[in-house]
Amino acid sequence: MDFRKRLARPFDQIEVELMMSAASIRKTTKNDVAWFVRPLRATDAKIWERLRCELWPDGQEDHAGEIATFFAGTAAEPDAVLIAESSEG
């Protein structure tokens, strides 16, 4: 299926498919920590802002507003944000 058609579907359906895909490709490290990829949630906003500040310190004053715009659904980009999360949180 075309990527753009997949994004046109309801987000909940996409999230379930991504979670199922992530579950099927989980990997473990030497410490038996499982990693999986999932769509970013609004509850992850502070984590995403902290990461963006580490990556782009010159734009710190813009990050919170851009993140709010993303979650409001009015951002021109990015279309989606994924986050890697370990089984340890």
C-alpha atoms as a PDB file:
ATOM      1  CA  MET A   1       0.000   0.000   0.000  1.00  0.00           C
ATOM      2  CA  ASP A   2       1.223   3.487  -0.862  1.00  0.00           C
ATOM      3  CA  PHE A   3       2.693   5.327   2.161  1.00  0.00           C
ATOM      4  CA  ARG A   4       0.485   8.395   1.645  1.00  0.00           C
ATOM      5  CA  LYS A   5      -2.637   6.210   1.476  1.00  0.00           C
ATOM      6  CA  ARG A   6      -1.572   4.553   4.720  1.00  0.00           C
ATOM      7  CA  LEU A   7      -1.285   7.948   6.397  1.00  0.00           C
ATOM      8  CA  ALA A   8      -4.746   8.927   5.162  1.00  0.00           C
ATOM      9  CA  ARG A   9      -6.271   6.209   7.350  1.00  0.00           C
ATOM     10  CA  PRO A  10      -7.348   6.859  10.946  1.00  0.00           C
ATOM     11  CA  PHE A  11      -4.359   7.366  13.243  1.00  0.00           C
ATOM     12  CA  ASP A  12      -5.534   4.684  15.691  1.00  0.00           C
ATOM     13  CA  GLN A  13      -5.430   2.096  12.919  1.00  0.00           C
ATOM     14  CA  ILE A  14      -1.949   3.192  11.867  1.00  0.00           C
ATOM     15  CA  GLU A  15      -0.759   3.114  15.489  1.00  0.00           C
ATOM     16  CA  VAL A  16      -2.020  -0.451  15.943  1.00  0.00           C
ATOM     17  CA  GLU A  17      -0.296  -1.559  12.741  1.00  0.00           C
ATOM     18  CA  LEU A  18       2.946   0.118  13.777  1.00  0.00           C
ATOM     19  CA  MET A  19       2.773  -1.479  17.204  1.00  0.00           C
ATOM     20  CA  MET A  20       2.164  -4.877  15.631  1.00  0.00           C
ATOM     21  CA  SER A  21       5.095  -4.334  13.266  1.00  0.00           C
ATOM     22  CA  ALA A  22       7.299  -3.219  16.128  1.00  0.00           C
ATOM     23  CA  ALA A  23       6.351  -6.282  18.140  1.00  0.00           C
ATOM     24  CA  SER A  24       7.346  -8.523  15.258  1.00  0.00           C
ATOM     25  CA  ILE A  25      10.820  -6.960  14.934  1.00  0.00           C
ATOM     26  CA  ARG A  26      11.751  -6.588  18.580  1.00  0.00           C
ATOM     27  CA  LYS A  27      15.404  -7.192  19.262  1.00  0.00           C
ATOM     28  CA  THR A  28      17.127  -7.924  22.532  1.00  0.00           C
ATOM     29  CA  THR A  29      20.529  -6.745  23.622  1.00  0.00           C
ATOM     30  CA  LYS A  30      23.049  -8.554  25.773  1.00  0.00           C
ATOM     31  CA  ASN A  31      21.148  -7.260  28.796  1.00  0.00           C
ATOM     32  CA  ASP A  32      17.830  -8.638  27.503  1.00  0.00           C
ATOM     33  CA  VAL A  33      16.407  -5.165  27.025  1.00  0.00           C
ATOM     34  CA  ALA A  34      13.783  -5.167  24.286  1.00  0.00           C
ATOM     35  CA  TRP A  35      13.447  -2.112  22.056  1.00  0.00           C
ATOM     36  CA  PHE A  36      10.412  -1.188  20.023  1.00  0.00           C
ATOM     37  CA  VAL A  37       9.309   1.740  17.909  1.00  0.00           C
ATOM     38  CA  ARG A  38       5.974   3.469  18.371  1.00  0.00           C
ATOM     39  CA  PRO A  39       4.278   6.700  17.316  1.00  0.00           C
ATOM     40  CA  LEU A  40       4.957   9.672  19.541  1.00  0.00           C
ATOM     41  CA  ARG A  41       2.105  10.558  21.916  1.00  0.00           C
ATOM     42  CA  ALA A  42       1.206  13.937  23.363  1.00  0.00           C
ATOM     43  CA  THR A  43       2.422  12.633  26.728  1.00  0.00           C
ATOM     44  CA  ASP A  44       5.915  12.391  25.164  1.00  0.00           C
ATOM     45  CA  ALA A  45       6.048  16.122  24.352  1.00  0.00           C
ATOM     46  CA  LYS A  46       8.533  17.018  27.117  1.00  0.00           C
ATOM     47  CA  ILE A  47      10.833  14.149  26.154  1.00  0.00           C
ATOM     48  CA  TRP A  48      10.704  15.218  22.504  1.00  0.00           C
ATOM     49  CA  GLU A  49      11.415  18.821  23.457  1.00  0.00           C
ATOM     50  CA  ARG A  50      14.415  17.772  25.551  1.00  0.00           C
ATOM     51  CA  LEU A  51      15.767  15.693  22.669  1.00  0.00           C
ATOM     52  CA  ARG A  52      15.283  18.542  20.199  1.00  0.00           C
ATOM     53  CA  CYS A  53      17.071  20.944  22.568  1.00  0.00           C
ATOM     54  CA  GLU A  54      20.023  18.541  22.754  1.00  0.00           C
ATOM     55  CA  LEU A  55      20.149  18.172  18.962  1.00  0.00           C
ATOM     56  CA  TRP A  56      19.436  21.800  18.034  1.00  0.00           C
ATOM     57  CA  PRO A  57      20.336  24.071  20.980  1.00  0.00           C
ATOM     58  CA  ASP A  58      20.189  27.190  18.799  1.00  0.00           C
ATOM     59  CA  GLY A  59      16.463  26.677  18.254  1.00  0.00           C
ATOM     60  CA  GLN A  60      15.431  26.042  21.858  1.00  0.00           C
ATOM     61  CA  GLU A  61      12.968  28.925  21.898  1.00  0.00           C
ATOM     62  CA  ASP A  62      11.102  27.417  18.901  1.00  0.00           C
ATOM     63  CA  HIS A  63      10.802  23.788  19.959  1.00  0.00           C
ATOM     64  CA  ALA A  64       7.818  23.999  22.342  1.00  0.00           C
ATOM     65  CA  GLY A  65       5.719  25.929  19.830  1.00  0.00           C
ATOM     66  CA  GLU A  66       6.600  23.585  16.978  1.00  0.00           C
ATOM     67  CA  ILE A  67       5.740  20.566  19.114  1.00  0.00           C
ATOM     68  CA  ALA A  68       2.383  22.103  20.071  1.00  0.00           C
ATOM     69  CA  THR A  69       1.692  22.781  16.380  1.00  0.00           C
ATOM     70  CA  PHE A  70       2.524  19.151  15.539  1.00  0.00           C
ATOM     71  CA  PHE A  71       0.089  17.782  18.129  1.00  0.00           C
ATOM     72  CA  ALA A  72      -2.579  20.283  17.036  1.00  0.00           C
ATOM     73  CA  GLY A  73      -2.329  18.719  13.569  1.00  0.00           C
ATOM     74  CA  THR A  74      -1.434  21.994  11.873  1.00  0.00           C
ATOM     75  CA  ALA A  75       2.300  21.476  11.322  1.00  0.00           C
ATOM     76  CA  ALA A  76       3.470  21.354   7.709  1.00  0.00           C
ATOM     77  CA  GLU A  77       6.084  18.837   8.777  1.00  0.00           C
ATOM     78  CA  PRO A  78       6.858  16.318  10.089  1.00  0.00           C
ATOM     79  CA  ASP A  79       4.003  14.056   9.035  1.00  0.00           C
ATOM     80  CA  ALA A  80       4.794  11.555  11.775  1.00  0.00           C
ATOM     81  CA  VAL A  81       7.227  11.130  14.649  1.00  0.00           C
ATOM     82  CA  LEU A  82       8.304   7.763  15.957  1.00  0.00           C
ATOM     83  CA  ILE A  83      10.079   7.043  19.206  1.00  0.00           C
ATOM     84  CA  ALA A  84      12.217   4.062  20.211  1.00  0.00           C
ATOM     85  CA  GLU A  85      11.433   2.826  23.679  1.00  0.00           C
ATOM     86  CA  SER A  86      13.110   0.135  25.717  1.00  0.00           C
ATOM     87  CA  SER A  87      11.341  -2.475  27.787  1.00  0.00           C
ATOM     88  CA  GLU A  88      12.822  -0.682  30.795  1.00  0.00           C
ATOM     89  CA  GLY A  89      10.938   2.522  29.901  1.00  0.00           C
END
